[in-house]
Protein backbone atom coordinates (compact mmCIF):
# COMPACT_ATOMS: atom_id res chain seq x y z
CA UNK A 1 221.67 46.87 61.66
CA UNK A 2 222.52 50.41 62.77
CA UNK A 3 222.17 51.81 66.27
CA UNK A 4 219.01 53.79 65.68
CA UNK A 5 217.20 50.89 64.04
CA UNK A 6 218.21 48.55 66.86
CA UNK A 7 216.89 50.91 69.52
CA UNK A 8 213.57 51.21 67.68
CA UNK A 9 213.33 47.40 67.55
CA UNK A 10 213.90 47.16 71.32
CA UNK A 11 211.25 49.75 72.16
CA UNK A 12 208.77 48.19 69.71
CA UNK A 13 209.31 44.86 71.47
CA UNK A 14 208.63 46.52 74.81
CA UNK A 15 205.39 48.01 73.39
CA UNK A 16 204.26 44.59 72.18
CA UNK A 17 205.02 43.02 75.55
CA UNK A 18 202.96 45.73 77.27
CA UNK A 19 200.08 45.34 74.80
CA UNK A 20 200.04 41.59 75.37
CA UNK A 21 199.82 42.20 79.15
CA UNK A 22 202.73 39.86 79.83
CA UNK A 23 204.29 42.99 81.33
CA UNK A 24 202.95 46.22 82.77
CA UNK A 25 206.14 47.81 84.12
CA UNK A 26 208.84 49.04 81.75
CA UNK A 27 211.63 51.52 81.06
CA UNK A 28 212.35 53.07 77.68
CA UNK A 29 215.55 52.06 75.91
CA UNK A 30 217.74 55.05 74.98
CA UNK A 31 220.73 55.53 72.69
CA UNK A 32 223.41 57.37 74.68
CA UNK A 33 225.55 59.08 72.04
CA UNK A 34 228.44 60.00 74.37
CA UNK A 35 228.89 56.37 75.47
CA UNK A 36 227.79 54.78 72.18
CA UNK A 37 225.43 52.51 74.13
CA UNK A 38 221.82 51.41 73.91
CA UNK A 39 220.32 50.78 77.34
CA UNK A 40 217.83 51.95 79.90
CA UNK A 41 218.96 54.88 82.00
CA UNK A 42 220.61 53.87 85.29
CA UNK A 43 220.77 57.10 87.32
CA UNK A 44 222.20 56.06 90.69
CA UNK A 45 225.67 55.58 92.11
CA UNK A 46 225.56 51.83 91.55
CA UNK A 47 227.37 50.80 88.39
CA UNK A 48 226.24 47.81 86.35
CA UNK A 49 229.25 45.82 87.60
CA UNK A 50 228.48 46.76 91.24
CA UNK A 51 224.97 45.37 90.83
CA UNK A 52 225.79 42.24 88.85
CA UNK A 53 228.67 41.24 91.16
CA UNK A 54 226.49 41.00 94.28
CA UNK A 55 226.56 37.38 95.45
CA UNK A 56 223.22 37.34 97.27
CA UNK A 57 220.56 36.86 94.59
CA UNK A 58 217.86 38.69 96.55
CA UNK A 59 220.10 41.73 97.14
CA UNK A 60 221.15 41.70 93.48
CA UNK A 61 217.54 41.54 92.28
CA UNK A 62 216.55 44.40 94.61
CA UNK A 63 219.44 46.51 93.31
CA UNK A 64 218.24 45.97 89.74
CA UNK A 65 214.77 47.16 90.75
CA UNK A 66 216.06 50.14 92.76
CA UNK A 67 218.28 51.26 89.86
CA UNK A 68 215.54 50.58 87.30
CA UNK A 69 218.02 48.40 85.44
CA UNK A 70 215.46 46.54 83.37
CA UNK A 71 213.59 47.08 80.13
CA UNK A 72 210.48 45.46 81.57
CA UNK A 73 209.22 43.28 84.39
CA UNK A 74 207.23 40.20 83.43
CA UNK A 75 204.03 39.16 85.21
CA UNK A 76 205.98 36.79 87.49
CA UNK A 77 208.57 39.39 88.52
CA UNK A 78 211.28 38.27 86.08
CA UNK A 79 213.40 41.11 84.69
CA UNK A 80 214.54 41.54 81.10
CA UNK A 81 217.76 43.53 80.62
CA UNK A 82 219.00 44.63 77.19
CA UNK A 83 222.30 46.49 76.77
CA UNK A 84 224.37 47.06 73.61
CA UNK A 85 227.61 48.98 73.01
CA UNK A 86 228.75 50.12 69.57
CA UNK A 87 231.82 51.48 67.85
CA UNK A 88 230.28 53.65 65.17
CA UNK A 89 227.68 51.24 63.71
CA UNK A 90 229.53 48.05 64.66
CA UNK A 91 228.33 46.17 67.72
CA UNK A 92 231.23 45.44 70.07
CA UNK A 93 229.47 44.36 73.27
CA UNK A 94 226.09 43.28 74.62
CA UNK A 95 224.42 41.97 77.76
CA UNK A 96 221.00 40.36 77.33
CA UNK A 97 219.75 38.92 80.60
CA UNK A 98 216.69 37.13 81.92
CA UNK A 99 216.61 37.54 85.71
CA UNK A 100 213.88 35.51 87.44
CA UNK A 101 212.55 36.84 90.72
CA UNK A 102 214.38 35.04 93.55
CA UNK A 103 211.06 34.90 95.42
CA UNK A 104 207.87 33.61 93.79
CA UNK A 105 205.48 36.51 93.20
CA UNK A 106 201.97 36.71 91.81
CA UNK A 107 201.13 39.14 89.01
CA UNK A 108 199.04 41.16 91.48
CA UNK A 109 202.04 41.50 93.79
CA UNK A 110 204.25 42.57 90.88
CA UNK A 111 201.90 45.25 89.58
CA UNK A 112 199.87 46.47 92.54
CA UNK A 113 202.50 46.52 95.26
CA UNK A 114 206.08 47.67 95.69
CA UNK A 115 208.11 44.62 94.65
CA UNK A 116 210.94 45.57 97.01
CA UNK A 117 208.48 46.09 99.87
CA UNK A 118 206.86 42.74 99.16
CA UNK A 119 210.22 40.94 99.07
CA UNK A 120 211.34 42.58 102.32
CA UNK A 121 208.07 41.54 103.99
CA UNK A 122 208.48 37.92 102.81
CA UNK A 123 212.15 37.88 103.91
CA UNK A 124 211.09 38.76 107.45
CA UNK A 125 208.80 35.71 107.60
CA UNK A 126 211.06 32.63 107.55
CA UNK A 127 208.19 30.20 106.92
CA UNK A 128 206.86 32.25 104.01
CA UNK A 129 210.38 32.77 102.67
CA UNK A 130 211.02 29.01 102.58
CA UNK A 131 207.75 28.50 100.70
CA UNK A 132 208.53 31.16 98.14
CA UNK A 133 212.27 30.84 97.47
CA UNK A 134 212.86 30.45 93.75
CA UNK A 135 216.04 28.75 92.55
CA UNK A 136 215.74 29.57 88.84
CA UNK A 137 219.06 30.85 87.50
CA UNK A 138 219.75 34.03 85.59
CA UNK A 139 220.22 33.36 81.87
CA UNK A 140 222.60 35.78 80.16
CA UNK A 141 223.82 36.15 76.57
CA UNK A 142 227.06 38.12 76.56
CA UNK A 143 229.11 39.45 73.68
CA UNK A 144 232.49 41.17 73.88
CA UNK A 145 234.37 41.42 70.60
CA UNK A 146 237.57 42.74 72.22
CA UNK A 147 237.91 40.09 74.93
CA UNK A 148 237.74 36.82 73.04
CA UNK A 149 240.04 33.95 74.05
CA UNK A 150 240.13 30.17 74.29
CA UNK A 151 238.21 30.30 77.61
CA UNK A 152 236.10 33.32 76.74
CA UNK A 153 234.17 33.06 73.44
CA UNK A 154 233.29 36.44 71.97
CA UNK A 155 229.58 35.53 72.08
CA UNK A 156 228.42 33.12 74.77
CA UNK A 157 225.58 31.95 77.01
CA UNK A 158 226.11 32.05 80.78
CA UNK A 159 224.03 30.52 83.56
CA UNK A 160 224.51 29.04 87.06
CA UNK A 161 228.16 30.21 87.19
CA UNK A 162 230.09 33.09 85.61
CA UNK A 163 232.68 30.54 84.52
CA UNK A 164 230.03 28.80 82.37
CA UNK A 165 230.45 30.21 78.86
CA UNK A 166 228.78 28.19 76.11
CA UNK A 167 229.92 29.55 72.73
CA UNK A 168 227.23 31.16 70.57
CA UNK A 169 227.69 31.59 66.83
CA UNK A 170 227.00 35.34 66.80
CA UNK A 171 225.80 38.29 68.85
CA UNK A 172 222.10 37.94 69.70
CA UNK A 173 219.44 40.30 68.39
CA UNK A 174 216.82 41.61 70.87
CA UNK A 175 214.08 39.77 68.93
CA UNK A 176 215.98 36.48 69.09
CA UNK A 177 216.61 36.92 72.81
CA UNK A 178 212.96 37.61 73.68
CA UNK A 179 211.84 34.71 71.51
CA UNK A 180 214.29 32.40 73.31
CA UNK A 181 212.93 33.44 76.71
CA UNK A 182 209.25 33.13 75.75
CA UNK A 183 209.65 29.75 74.06
CA UNK A 184 211.82 28.16 76.75
CA UNK A 185 210.49 29.47 80.05
CA UNK A 186 206.77 30.05 79.45
CA UNK A 187 203.94 28.10 77.86
CA UNK A 188 200.70 29.25 76.27
CA UNK A 189 198.48 27.57 78.88
CA UNK A 190 200.26 29.44 81.66
CA UNK A 191 199.98 32.71 79.76
CA UNK A 192 196.27 32.18 79.02
CA UNK A 193 195.64 31.73 82.75
CA UNK A 194 197.23 35.16 83.23
CA UNK A 195 194.86 36.64 80.59
CA UNK A 196 197.78 37.46 78.31
CA UNK A 197 197.16 38.07 74.60
CA UNK A 198 198.60 34.94 73.01
CA UNK A 199 198.27 36.31 69.48
CA UNK A 200 200.77 39.08 70.25
CA UNK A 201 203.13 36.59 71.92
CA UNK A 202 202.94 34.34 68.83
CA UNK A 203 203.65 37.36 66.61
CA UNK A 204 206.79 38.11 68.64
CA UNK A 205 207.95 34.48 68.42
CA UNK A 206 207.29 34.26 64.66
CA UNK A 207 208.85 37.60 63.78
CA UNK A 208 211.58 37.48 61.13
CA UNK A 209 214.66 39.56 61.79
CA UNK A 210 218.14 40.16 60.45
CA UNK A 211 220.91 38.30 62.26
CA UNK A 212 224.29 39.67 63.23
CA UNK A 213 227.39 38.28 61.48
CA UNK A 214 228.84 35.09 62.92
CA UNK A 215 231.90 35.44 65.12
CA UNK A 216 232.48 31.94 66.52
CA UNK A 217 236.04 30.64 66.13
CA UNK A 218 236.97 27.29 64.59
CA UNK A 219 238.26 26.10 67.97
CA UNK A 220 234.98 26.89 69.71
CA UNK A 221 233.05 25.11 66.95
CA UNK A 222 234.80 21.87 67.98
CA UNK A 223 233.07 21.96 71.36
CA UNK A 224 229.41 22.08 72.37
CA UNK A 225 228.06 25.40 71.06
CA UNK A 226 224.90 27.17 69.93
CA UNK A 227 224.38 27.74 66.22
CA UNK A 228 221.18 29.00 64.61
CA UNK A 229 219.77 30.31 61.34
CA UNK A 230 216.28 31.78 61.05
């Protein structure tokens, strides 16, 4: 799968998510030739590492919004982040993250108001903040071909703690990532209540796509790991 084709796949996925009305806020994915990366454009002083290393989950989420570091925002405020780095046409790194809103938001608050303004208003009301605090963890699929070790599988799933790295058999495609999120964190009844087009969501989940080559080591196969074939 070459870089251009992968970027088209990502933007087509974004279009389908918008058409389904599961999202109404998005940023276009771009191939940056000079950096050999596929990502949304982050145009502020904050680097990706500066944002992701913030300990406070509300501050981190706000930084993502301020820097527009998301491909789209779901109806509940969750962010989807898709980033790939290549060497020529070989994928060498990716970050695919599902970032739930740290504060429970309605779809109206996500789309009709400033999310940052809404969060700041809720933060100032301790009673409302306690009602709305959301403890769902960020789910992240990482891949780094050049930094594989016994404690750091080349492809892995991380959640709760950065030291949690569950080996994954291969880099994850954008289609596979979105399917994983939709099938594991949302249900059709919930989506129907939000007037979301279920037929488009089913199409996304049933879409066939080419997988990346497997990279898991024999040692990592001996432990709990994620393996899949579609």
